[in-house]
PDB file of all heavy atoms in Angstrom:
ATOM      1  N   GLY A   1      -9.623   3.771  -2.685  1.00  0.00           N
ATOM      2  CA  GLY A   1      -8.803   3.321  -3.797  1.00  0.00           C
ATOM      3  C   GLY A   1      -8.829   1.811  -3.896  1.00  0.00           C
ATOM      4  O   GLY A   1      -9.605   1.125  -3.210  1.00  0.00           O
ATOM      5  N   SER A   2      -7.983   1.264  -4.732  1.00  0.00           N
ATOM      6  CA  SER A   2      -7.901  -0.184  -4.889  1.00  0.00           C
ATOM      7  C   SER A   2      -6.491  -0.555  -5.315  1.00  0.00           C
ATOM      8  O   SER A   2      -5.735   0.287  -5.810  1.00  0.00           O
ATOM      9  CB  SER A   2      -8.917  -0.679  -5.927  1.00  0.00           C
ATOM     10  OG  SER A   2      -8.671  -0.075  -7.192  1.00  0.00           O
ATOM     11  N   LEU A   3      -6.153  -1.820  -5.113  1.00  0.00           N
ATOM     12  CA  LEU A   3      -4.865  -2.344  -5.545  1.00  0.00           C
ATOM     13  C   LEU A   3      -5.036  -3.824  -5.847  1.00  0.00           C
ATOM     14  O   LEU A   3      -6.033  -4.449  -5.446  1.00  0.00           O
ATOM     15  CB  LEU A   3      -3.787  -2.111  -4.480  1.00  0.00           C
ATOM     16  CG  LEU A   3      -4.031  -2.693  -3.079  1.00  0.00           C
ATOM     17  CD1 LEU A   3      -3.437  -4.100  -2.946  1.00  0.00           C
ATOM     18  CD2 LEU A   3      -3.428  -1.784  -2.021  1.00  0.00           C
ATOM     19  N   THR A   4      -4.079  -4.377  -6.550  1.00  0.00           N
ATOM     20  CA  THR A   4      -4.125  -5.797  -6.891  1.00  0.00           C
ATOM     21  C   THR A   4      -2.827  -6.477  -6.475  1.00  0.00           C
ATOM     22  O   THR A   4      -1.780  -5.843  -6.380  1.00  0.00           O
ATOM     23  CB  THR A   4      -4.339  -6.007  -8.402  1.00  0.00           C
ATOM     24  OG1 THR A   4      -3.238  -5.418  -9.118  1.00  0.00           O
ATOM     25  CG2 THR A   4      -5.644  -5.371  -8.862  1.00  0.00           C
ATOM     26  N   TYR A   5      -2.932  -7.756  -6.225  1.00  0.00           N
ATOM     27  CA  TYR A   5      -1.765  -8.604  -6.045  1.00  0.00           C
ATOM     28  C   TYR A   5      -2.128  -9.980  -6.588  1.00  0.00           C
ATOM     29  O   TYR A   5      -3.311 -10.314  -6.758  1.00  0.00           O
ATOM     30  CB  TYR A   5      -1.343  -8.682  -4.571  1.00  0.00           C
ATOM     31  CG  TYR A   5      -2.294  -9.457  -3.691  1.00  0.00           C
ATOM     32  CD1 TYR A   5      -2.109 -10.822  -3.442  1.00  0.00           C
ATOM     33  CD2 TYR A   5      -3.398  -8.837  -3.121  1.00  0.00           C
ATOM     34  CE1 TYR A   5      -2.992 -11.540  -2.645  1.00  0.00           C
ATOM     35  CE2 TYR A   5      -4.277  -9.542  -2.322  1.00  0.00           C
ATOM     36  CZ  TYR A   5      -4.079 -10.887  -2.082  1.00  0.00           C
ATOM     37  OH  TYR A   5      -4.956 -11.593  -1.309  1.00  0.00           O
ATOM     38  N   SER A   6      -1.127 -10.780  -6.893  1.00  0.00           N
ATOM     39  CA  SER A   6      -1.375 -12.092  -7.488  1.00  0.00           C
ATOM     40  C   SER A   6      -0.709 -13.184  -6.668  1.00  0.00           C
ATOM     41  O   SER A   6       0.353 -12.969  -6.069  1.00  0.00           O
ATOM     42  CB  SER A   6      -0.852 -12.139  -8.929  1.00  0.00           C
ATOM     43  OG  SER A   6      -1.466 -11.136  -9.714  1.00  0.00           O
ATOM     44  N   VAL A   7      -1.344 -14.326  -6.642  1.00  0.00           N
ATOM     45  CA  VAL A   7      -0.793 -15.508  -5.982  1.00  0.00           C
ATOM     46  C   VAL A   7      -0.362 -16.497  -7.055  1.00  0.00           C
ATOM     47  O   VAL A   7      -1.191 -16.926  -7.866  1.00  0.00           O
ATOM     48  CB  VAL A   7      -1.823 -16.162  -5.042  1.00  0.00           C
ATOM     49  CG1 VAL A   7      -1.256 -17.452  -4.445  1.00  0.00           C
ATOM     50  CG2 VAL A   7      -2.231 -15.206  -3.933  1.00  0.00           C
ATOM     51  N   GLY A   8       0.929 -16.808  -7.086  1.00  0.00           N
ATOM     52  CA  GLY A   8       1.437 -17.764  -8.064  1.00  0.00           C
ATOM     53  C   GLY A   8       1.678 -17.161  -9.424  1.00  0.00           C
ATOM     54  O   GLY A   8       2.786 -17.166  -9.944  1.00  0.00           O
ATOM     55  N   ALA A   9       0.642 -16.612 -10.026  1.00  0.00           N
ATOM     56  CA  ALA A   9       0.743 -16.017 -11.359  1.00  0.00           C
ATOM     57  C   ALA A   9      -0.394 -15.028 -11.542  1.00  0.00           C
ATOM     58  O   ALA A   9      -1.438 -15.129 -10.892  1.00  0.00           O
ATOM     59  CB  ALA A   9       0.692 -17.099 -12.440  1.00  0.00           C
ATOM     60  N   ALA A  10      -0.182 -14.066 -12.429  1.00  0.00           N
ATOM     61  CA  ALA A  10      -1.198 -13.045 -12.676  1.00  0.00           C
ATOM     62  C   ALA A  10      -2.326 -13.606 -13.524  1.00  0.00           C
ATOM     63  O   ALA A  10      -2.159 -14.542 -14.301  1.00  0.00           O
ATOM     64  CB  ALA A  10      -0.570 -11.837 -13.359  1.00  0.00           C
ATOM     65  N   SER A  11      -3.517 -13.017 -13.347  1.00  0.00           N
ATOM     66  CA  SER A  11      -4.682 -13.375 -14.158  1.00  0.00           C
ATOM     67  C   SER A  11      -5.524 -12.115 -14.325  1.00  0.00           C
ATOM     68  O   SER A  11      -5.152 -11.032 -13.862  1.00  0.00           O
ATOM     69  CB  SER A  11      -5.495 -14.477 -13.461  1.00  0.00           C
ATOM     70  OG  SER A  11      -6.054 -13.996 -12.245  1.00  0.00           O
ATOM     71  N   ALA A  12      -6.654 -12.231 -14.990  1.00  0.00           N
ATOM     72  CA  ALA A  12      -7.551 -11.078 -15.123  1.00  0.00           C
ATOM     73  C   ALA A  12      -8.079 -10.686 -13.741  1.00  0.00           C
ATOM     74  O   ALA A  12      -8.519 -11.538 -12.972  1.00  0.00           O
ATOM     75  CB  ALA A  12      -8.700 -11.422 -16.058  1.00  0.00           C
ATOM     76  N   ALA A  13      -8.024  -9.383 -13.427  1.00  0.00           N
ATOM     77  CA  ALA A  13      -8.463  -8.919 -12.110  1.00  0.00           C
ATOM     78  C   ALA A  13      -9.983  -8.875 -12.041  1.00  0.00           C
ATOM     79  O   ALA A  13     -10.650  -8.533 -13.014  1.00  0.00           O
ATOM     80  CB  ALA A  13      -7.891  -7.530 -11.832  1.00  0.00           C
ATOM     81  N   PRO A  14     -10.563  -9.247 -10.902  1.00  0.00           N
ATOM     82  CA  PRO A  14     -12.016  -9.138 -10.740  1.00  0.00           C
ATOM     83  C   PRO A  14     -12.445  -7.667 -10.722  1.00  0.00           C
ATOM     84  O   PRO A  14     -11.635  -6.764 -10.531  1.00  0.00           O
ATOM     85  CB  PRO A  14     -12.282  -9.811  -9.390  1.00  0.00           C
ATOM     86  CG  PRO A  14     -10.989  -9.694  -8.649  1.00  0.00           C
ATOM     87  CD  PRO A  14      -9.912  -9.760  -9.680  1.00  0.00           C
ATOM     88  N   THR A  15     -13.738  -7.434 -10.890  1.00  0.00           N
ATOM     89  CA  THR A  15     -14.283  -6.080 -10.917  1.00  0.00           C
ATOM     90  C   THR A  15     -14.771  -5.688  -9.536  1.00  0.00           C
ATOM     91  O   THR A  15     -15.478  -6.458  -8.882  1.00  0.00           O
ATOM     92  CB  THR A  15     -15.453  -5.979 -11.909  1.00  0.00           C
ATOM     93  OG1 THR A  15     -14.993  -6.393 -13.200  1.00  0.00           O
ATOM     94  CG2 THR A  15     -15.971  -4.555 -11.996  1.00  0.00           C
ATOM     95  N   ALA A  16     -14.393  -4.466  -9.077  1.00  0.00           N
ATOM     96  CA  ALA A  16     -14.793  -4.004  -7.751  1.00  0.00           C
ATOM     97  C   ALA A  16     -16.265  -3.631  -7.748  1.00  0.00           C
ATOM     98  O   ALA A  16     -16.812  -3.169  -8.744  1.00  0.00           O
ATOM     99  CB  ALA A  16     -13.952  -2.803  -7.336  1.00  0.00           C
ATOM    100  N   THR A  17     -16.910  -3.852  -6.619  1.00  0.00           N
ATOM    101  CA  THR A  17     -18.308  -3.446  -6.458  1.00  0.00           C
ATOM    102  C   THR A  17     -18.437  -2.222  -5.562  1.00  0.00           C
ATOM    103  O   THR A  17     -19.525  -1.730  -5.329  1.00  0.00           O
ATOM    104  CB  THR A  17     -19.127  -4.594  -5.831  1.00  0.00           C
ATOM    105  OG1 THR A  17     -18.549  -4.950  -4.573  1.00  0.00           O
ATOM    106  CG2 THR A  17     -19.131  -5.798  -6.739  1.00  0.00           C
ATOM    107  N   LEU A  18     -17.293  -1.710  -5.041  1.00  0.00           N
ATOM    108  CA  LEU A  18     -17.307  -0.525  -4.187  1.00  0.00           C
ATOM    109  C   LEU A  18     -16.735   0.657  -4.949  1.00  0.00           C
ATOM    110  O   LEU A  18     -15.819   0.512  -5.757  1.00  0.00           O
ATOM    111  CB  LEU A  18     -16.464  -0.754  -2.930  1.00  0.00           C
ATOM    112  CG  LEU A  18     -16.956  -1.819  -1.946  1.00  0.00           C
ATOM    113  CD1 LEU A  18     -15.966  -1.919  -0.789  1.00  0.00           C
ATOM    114  CD2 LEU A  18     -18.325  -1.496  -1.417  1.00  0.00           C
ATOM    115  N   ASP A  19     -17.281   1.853  -4.698  1.00  0.00           N
ATOM    116  CA  ASP A  19     -16.713   3.064  -5.257  1.00  0.00           C
ATOM    117  C   ASP A  19     -15.391   3.372  -4.563  1.00  0.00           C
ATOM    118  O   ASP A  19     -15.172   2.986  -3.427  1.00  0.00           O
ATOM    119  CB  ASP A  19     -17.665   4.256  -5.066  1.00  0.00           C
ATOM    120  CG  ASP A  19     -18.935   4.082  -5.883  1.00  0.00           C
ATOM    121  OD1 ASP A  19     -18.853   3.436  -6.936  1.00  0.00           O
ATOM    122  OD2 ASP A  19     -19.987   4.585  -5.449  1.00  0.00           O
ATOM    123  N   ASP A  20     -14.537   4.130  -5.265  1.00  0.00           N
ATOM    124  CA  ASP A  20     -13.269   4.513  -4.662  1.00  0.00           C
ATOM    125  C   ASP A  20     -13.457   5.735  -3.777  1.00  0.00           C
ATOM    126  O   ASP A  20     -13.662   5.623  -2.600  1.00  0.00           O
ATOM    127  CB  ASP A  20     -12.223   4.775  -5.754  1.00  0.00           C
ATOM    128  CG  ASP A  20     -11.730   3.480  -6.394  1.00  0.00           C
ATOM    129  OD1 ASP A  20     -12.025   2.415  -5.832  1.00  0.00           O
ATOM    130  OD2 ASP A  20     -11.085   3.553  -7.441  1.00  0.00           O
ATOM    131  N   VAL A  21     -13.397   6.917  -4.332  1.00  0.00           N
ATOM    132  CA  VAL A  21     -13.543   8.137  -3.532  1.00  0.00           C
ATOM    133  C   VAL A  21     -14.586   9.064  -4.138  1.00  0.00           C
ATOM    134  O   VAL A  21     -14.470  10.270  -4.056  1.00  0.00           O
ATOM    135  CB  VAL A  21     -12.193   8.883  -3.394  1.00  0.00           C
ATOM    136  CG1 VAL A  21     -11.284   8.171  -2.444  1.00  0.00           C
ATOM    137  CG2 VAL A  21     -11.516   9.038  -4.747  1.00  0.00           C
ATOM    138  N   THR A  22     -15.593   8.485  -4.796  1.00  0.00           N
ATOM    139  CA  THR A  22     -16.629   9.320  -5.385  1.00  0.00           C
ATOM    140  C   THR A  22     -17.415  10.023  -4.281  1.00  0.00           C
ATOM    141  O   THR A  22     -17.739   9.439  -3.258  1.00  0.00           O
ATOM    142  CB  THR A  22     -17.591   8.475  -6.241  1.00  0.00           C
ATOM    143  OG1 THR A  22     -18.111   7.404  -5.437  1.00  0.00           O
ATOM    144  CG2 THR A  22     -16.865   7.889  -7.436  1.00  0.00           C
ATOM    145  N   VAL A  23     -17.694  11.287  -4.505  1.00  0.00           N
ATOM    146  CA  VAL A  23     -18.492  12.084  -3.580  1.00  0.00           C
ATOM    147  C   VAL A  23     -19.555  12.793  -4.399  1.00  0.00           C
ATOM    148  O   VAL A  23     -19.259  13.371  -5.447  1.00  0.00           O
ATOM    149  CB  VAL A  23     -17.627  13.123  -2.832  1.00  0.00           C
ATOM    150  CG1 VAL A  23     -18.499  14.007  -1.949  1.00  0.00           C
ATOM    151  CG2 VAL A  23     -16.566  12.425  -2.003  1.00  0.00           C
ATOM    152  N   ASP A  24     -20.806  12.715  -3.938  1.00  0.00           N
ATOM    153  CA  ASP A  24     -21.898  13.379  -4.633  1.00  0.00           C
ATOM    154  C   ASP A  24     -21.568  14.866  -4.786  1.00  0.00           C
ATOM    155  O   ASP A  24     -21.184  15.527  -3.817  1.00  0.00           O
ATOM    156  CB  ASP A  24     -23.189  13.208  -3.827  1.00  0.00           C
ATOM    157  CG  ASP A  24     -24.383  13.791  -4.537  1.00  0.00           C
ATOM    158  OD1 ASP A  24     -24.972  13.092  -5.370  1.00  0.00           O
ATOM    159  OD2 ASP A  24     -24.718  14.969  -4.262  1.00  0.00           O
ATOM    160  N   PRO A  25     -21.689  15.436  -6.013  1.00  0.00           N
ATOM    161  CA  PRO A  25     -21.315  16.842  -6.218  1.00  0.00           C
ATOM    162  C   PRO A  25     -22.117  17.816  -5.370  1.00  0.00           C
ATOM    163  O   PRO A  25     -21.599  18.857  -4.971  1.00  0.00           O
ATOM    164  CB  PRO A  25     -21.546  17.064  -7.721  1.00  0.00           C
ATOM    165  CG  PRO A  25     -22.408  15.925  -8.168  1.00  0.00           C
ATOM    166  CD  PRO A  25     -22.105  14.781  -7.267  1.00  0.00           C
ATOM    167  N   VAL A  26     -23.373  17.491  -5.091  1.00  0.00           N
ATOM    168  CA  VAL A  26     -24.182  18.372  -4.237  1.00  0.00           C
ATOM    169  C   VAL A  26     -23.615  18.372  -2.824  1.00  0.00           C
ATOM    170  O   VAL A  26     -23.475  19.424  -2.185  1.00  0.00           O
ATOM    171  CB  VAL A  26     -25.656  17.927  -4.243  1.00  0.00           C
ATOM    172  CG1 VAL A  26     -26.478  18.771  -3.269  1.00  0.00           C
ATOM    173  CG2 VAL A  26     -26.236  18.022  -5.653  1.00  0.00           C
TER     174      VAL A  26
END
């Protein structure tokens, strides 16, 4: 999974490069 937190003030969140819990269907 993923979560966000902000320091000082919120901004646009960066994009994750890791999958969350995807599992190959096979």
